[in-house]
N, C-alpha and C. Protein backbone atom coordinates (compact mmCIF):
# COMPACT_ATOMS: atom_id res chain seq x y z
N UNK A 1 108.59 90.40 42.37
CA UNK A 1 108.20 91.30 43.74
C UNK A 1 108.72 91.53 44.52
N UNK A 2 108.21 92.95 44.79
CA UNK A 2 108.03 93.69 45.32
C UNK A 2 108.19 93.76 46.69
N UNK A 3 107.35 93.15 47.87
CA UNK A 3 107.75 92.44 48.82
C UNK A 3 108.72 91.51 49.56
N UNK A 4 108.61 92.20 50.78
CA UNK A 4 110.03 91.96 51.47
C UNK A 4 109.88 90.57 52.52
N UNK A 5 109.85 89.37 52.90
CA UNK A 5 109.28 88.74 53.70
C UNK A 5 108.87 89.00 54.75
N UNK A 6 109.69 89.98 55.67
CA UNK A 6 109.41 90.71 56.46
C UNK A 6 107.88 91.53 56.28
N UNK A 7 107.74 91.89 54.85
CA UNK A 7 105.91 92.79 55.42
C UNK A 7 105.85 91.59 54.73
N UNK A 8 105.63 90.70 54.31
CA UNK A 8 104.82 89.62 53.89
C UNK A 8 104.47 88.65 54.90
N UNK A 9 105.15 88.65 55.77
CA UNK A 9 105.29 88.55 57.42
C UNK A 9 103.83 89.57 57.87
N UNK A 10 104.11 90.21 57.94
CA UNK A 10 103.29 91.83 58.34
C UNK A 10 102.27 91.33 58.09
N UNK A 11 102.06 90.88 56.46
CA UNK A 11 100.35 91.22 55.94
C UNK A 11 99.94 89.85 56.40
N UNK A 12 100.73 88.69 56.76
CA UNK A 12 99.48 87.54 57.04
C UNK A 12 99.08 87.80 57.99
N UNK A 13 100.06 88.26 59.39
CA UNK A 13 99.46 88.70 61.07
C UNK A 13 97.91 89.54 60.70
N UNK A 14 97.89 90.53 60.01
CA UNK A 14 97.00 91.19 59.65
C UNK A 14 96.12 90.23 58.66
N UNK A 15 95.63 89.04 58.62
CA UNK A 15 94.87 88.81 57.87
C UNK A 15 93.46 87.35 59.26
N UNK A 16 92.50 87.79 59.12
CA UNK A 16 91.50 86.92 59.72
C UNK A 16 92.34 85.33 59.95
N UNK A 17 92.69 84.95 61.53
CA UNK A 17 92.29 83.64 61.59
C UNK A 17 92.23 82.14 60.34
N UNK A 18 90.71 82.86 60.09
CA UNK A 18 90.71 82.07 58.69
C UNK A 18 91.28 81.76 58.11
N UNK A 19 91.37 82.72 57.65
CA UNK A 19 92.85 82.70 56.39
C UNK A 19 94.04 81.91 56.80
N UNK A 20 94.60 82.44 58.30
CA UNK A 20 95.80 81.95 58.17
C UNK A 20 95.54 80.86 58.14
N UNK A 21 94.27 80.21 58.48
CA UNK A 21 94.72 78.54 58.62
C UNK A 21 94.85 78.16 56.71
N UNK A 22 94.28 78.89 56.53
CA UNK A 22 93.64 78.05 55.18
C UNK A 22 95.45 78.96 53.79
N UNK A 23 95.88 80.06 54.64
CA UNK A 23 97.56 80.24 54.53
C UNK A 23 98.47 78.91 54.79
N UNK A 24 98.65 79.40 56.27
CA UNK A 24 99.44 77.94 56.41
C UNK A 24 98.89 76.02 55.77
N UNK A 25 97.62 75.90 55.02
CA UNK A 25 97.93 74.66 55.48
C UNK A 25 98.19 74.71 53.28
N UNK A 26 98.01 75.76 52.34
CA UNK A 26 98.64 76.02 51.66
C UNK A 26 99.62 75.59 51.58
N UNK A 27 100.51 76.45 52.50
CA UNK A 27 102.61 76.36 52.59
C UNK A 27 102.82 75.17 52.73
N UNK A 28 101.89 74.45 53.47
CA UNK A 28 102.77 72.63 53.94
C UNK A 28 102.18 71.91 53.07
N UNK A 29 101.11 72.36 52.01
CA UNK A 29 100.66 71.67 50.37
C UNK A 29 102.20 71.96 50.16
N UNK A 30 102.35 72.69 49.74
CA UNK A 30 103.74 73.52 48.78
C UNK A 30 104.91 72.65 49.36
N UNK A 31 105.10 72.91 50.47
CA UNK A 31 106.34 72.55 50.98
C UNK A 31 106.51 70.27 50.78
N UNK A 32 104.96 69.76 50.80
CA UNK A 32 105.32 68.68 50.45
C UNK A 32 105.43 68.08 49.10
N UNK A 33 104.93 69.25 48.33
CA UNK A 33 105.28 68.49 46.84
C UNK A 33 107.03 68.33 46.15
N UNK A 34 107.57 69.82 46.87
CA UNK A 34 108.58 70.10 46.89
C UNK A 34 109.40 69.01 47.34
N UNK A 35 108.58 68.83 48.45
CA UNK A 35 109.74 67.36 49.11
C UNK A 35 109.88 66.48 48.31
N UNK A 36 108.54 66.10 47.50
CA UNK A 36 107.96 64.87 46.83
C UNK A 36 108.75 65.10 46.29
N UNK A 37 109.40 66.34 45.41
CA UNK A 37 110.26 66.40 43.84
C UNK A 37 111.51 65.83 44.45
N UNK A 38 111.86 66.15 45.30
CA UNK A 38 113.08 66.18 45.29
C UNK A 38 114.29 64.80 45.58
N UNK A 39 112.60 64.34 46.97
CA UNK A 39 112.77 62.83 47.17
C UNK A 39 113.27 62.00 45.27
N UNK A 40 112.39 62.04 44.46
CA UNK A 40 111.94 61.48 43.27
C UNK A 40 113.25 61.72 42.72
N UNK A 41 114.09 62.80 42.48
CA UNK A 41 114.57 63.77 41.87
C UNK A 41 116.21 62.81 41.79
N UNK A 42 115.91 62.77 43.63
CA UNK A 42 117.72 61.91 44.21
C UNK A 42 117.41 60.79 44.31
N UNK A 43 116.07 60.23 44.40
CA UNK A 43 117.17 58.19 43.92
C UNK A 43 115.89 57.58 42.32
N UNK A 44 115.69 58.40 42.03
CA UNK A 44 116.08 58.60 39.99
C UNK A 44 116.83 57.53 39.87
N UNK A 45 117.10 57.29 38.08
CA UNK A 45 118.37 56.54 37.86
C UNK A 45 119.58 58.41 37.81
N UNK A 46 121.07 58.08 38.24
CA UNK A 46 121.56 59.40 38.47
C UNK A 46 121.59 60.17 39.48
N UNK A 47 120.41 60.15 40.56
CA UNK A 47 119.81 61.61 41.71
C UNK A 47 121.39 60.73 42.72
N UNK A 48 121.21 61.66 43.40
CA UNK A 48 122.23 61.90 44.25
C UNK A 48 122.00 60.87 45.72
N UNK A 49 120.59 60.20 45.55
CA UNK A 49 120.80 59.05 46.30
C UNK A 49 120.74 56.98 45.43
N UNK A 50 121.21 58.04 44.41
CA UNK A 50 121.64 55.84 43.43
C UNK A 50 122.45 55.64 44.19
N UNK A 51 123.81 56.21 44.74
CA UNK A 51 124.78 55.25 45.57
C UNK A 51 124.23 54.86 46.78
N UNK A 52 123.79 55.39 47.36
CA UNK A 52 123.35 54.69 48.56
C UNK A 52 122.46 53.51 48.43
N UNK A 53 121.37 53.62 47.70
CA UNK A 53 120.50 52.32 47.37
C UNK A 53 121.28 51.71 46.21
N UNK A 54 122.35 51.49 45.65
CA UNK A 54 123.57 50.44 45.15
C UNK A 54 124.25 50.49 46.16
N UNK A 55 124.57 50.65 47.64
CA UNK A 55 125.70 50.36 47.93
C UNK A 55 124.80 48.97 49.06
N UNK A 56 123.57 49.92 49.74
CA UNK A 56 122.22 48.84 50.35
C UNK A 56 122.75 47.40 49.52
N UNK A 57 121.86 47.35 48.30
CA UNK A 57 121.52 46.18 47.04
C UNK A 57 122.96 45.62 47.15
N UNK A 58 124.27 46.37 47.11
CA UNK A 58 125.69 45.48 47.75
C UNK A 58 125.33 44.81 49.30
N UNK A 59 125.41 45.05 49.92
CA UNK A 59 125.04 44.49 51.30
C UNK A 59 124.48 44.10 51.11
N UNK A 60 123.34 43.44 50.53
CA UNK A 60 121.75 42.59 50.66
C UNK A 60 122.40 41.69 49.99
N UNK A 61 122.98 41.24 48.90
CA UNK A 61 123.88 40.76 48.12
C UNK A 61 124.71 39.99 48.80
N UNK A 62 125.43 40.66 49.89
CA UNK A 62 126.96 39.97 50.33
C UNK A 62 126.44 39.19 51.75
N UNK A 63 125.05 39.70 51.45
CA UNK A 63 124.49 38.84 53.14
C UNK A 63 124.86 39.72 54.29
N UNK A 64 125.07 41.05 54.40
CA UNK A 64 125.10 41.93 55.21
C UNK A 64 124.52 43.08 55.80
N UNK A 65 123.12 42.50 55.21
CA UNK A 65 122.14 42.61 56.28
C UNK A 65 120.98 42.15 56.62
N UNK A 66 119.93 42.60 57.43
CA UNK A 66 118.72 42.02 58.40
C UNK A 66 117.62 42.57 57.64
N UNK A 67 117.01 41.63 57.97
CA UNK A 67 115.33 41.55 57.47
C UNK A 67 114.67 43.38 58.02
N UNK A 68 113.84 43.69 58.43
CA UNK A 68 113.50 44.61 58.80
C UNK A 68 113.03 44.58 60.21
N UNK A 69 111.88 42.87 60.06
CA UNK A 69 111.70 41.87 61.15
C UNK A 69 112.66 42.15 62.33
N UNK A 70 114.35 41.02 61.55
CA UNK A 70 114.79 40.92 62.36
C UNK A 70 115.40 42.20 62.89
N UNK A 71 115.48 43.24 62.14
CA UNK A 71 116.35 44.93 63.00
C UNK A 71 115.07 45.25 63.86
N UNK A 72 114.10 44.90 64.35
CA UNK A 72 112.73 45.76 64.68
C UNK A 72 113.22 44.51 66.15
N UNK A 73 112.73 43.48 65.59
CA UNK A 73 113.36 42.47 67.15
C UNK A 73 114.45 42.51 67.82
N UNK A 74 115.30 43.38 66.92
CA UNK A 74 116.35 44.00 68.22
C UNK A 74 117.05 44.90 68.88
N UNK A 75 116.17 46.31 67.97
CA UNK A 75 116.54 47.09 68.76
C UNK A 75 115.76 47.05 70.23
N UNK A 76 116.26 48.35 70.83
CA UNK A 76 115.98 48.70 72.22
C UNK A 76 114.17 49.19 72.30
N UNK A 77 113.48 48.72 73.47
CA UNK A 77 112.16 48.79 73.11
C UNK A 77 112.13 50.79 73.45
N UNK A 78 110.74 50.95 72.60
CA UNK A 78 110.62 52.17 73.27
C UNK A 78 110.20 52.61 74.19
N UNK A 79 110.14 53.73 74.97
CA UNK A 79 109.87 54.34 76.35
C UNK A 79 108.51 54.09 76.24
N UNK A 80 107.96 53.25 77.39
CA UNK A 80 106.35 53.63 76.96
C UNK A 80 106.30 55.33 78.41
N UNK A 81 105.50 56.06 77.76
CA UNK A 81 104.61 57.33 78.76
C UNK A 81 103.41 57.08 79.44
N UNK A 82 103.46 57.28 80.59
CA UNK A 82 102.32 57.05 81.16
C UNK A 82 102.25 55.89 82.31
């Protein structure tokens, strides 16, 4: 690849607006796929998130966790705008 990131940015600014929009959607799609792959890897057996899941499971078994409904019922309500 011979182009620098700066050269790519400059080339993008010269694209028609419709092509910039199409490119932005494509980049967002690539980012979402990379995120999904990372989450899948992290939370599959032996992944970086395995210890976190095991910790949660232990808390649940020990009765140290509350249900989502209970948690939501006791959190401060979001401030309403308007």
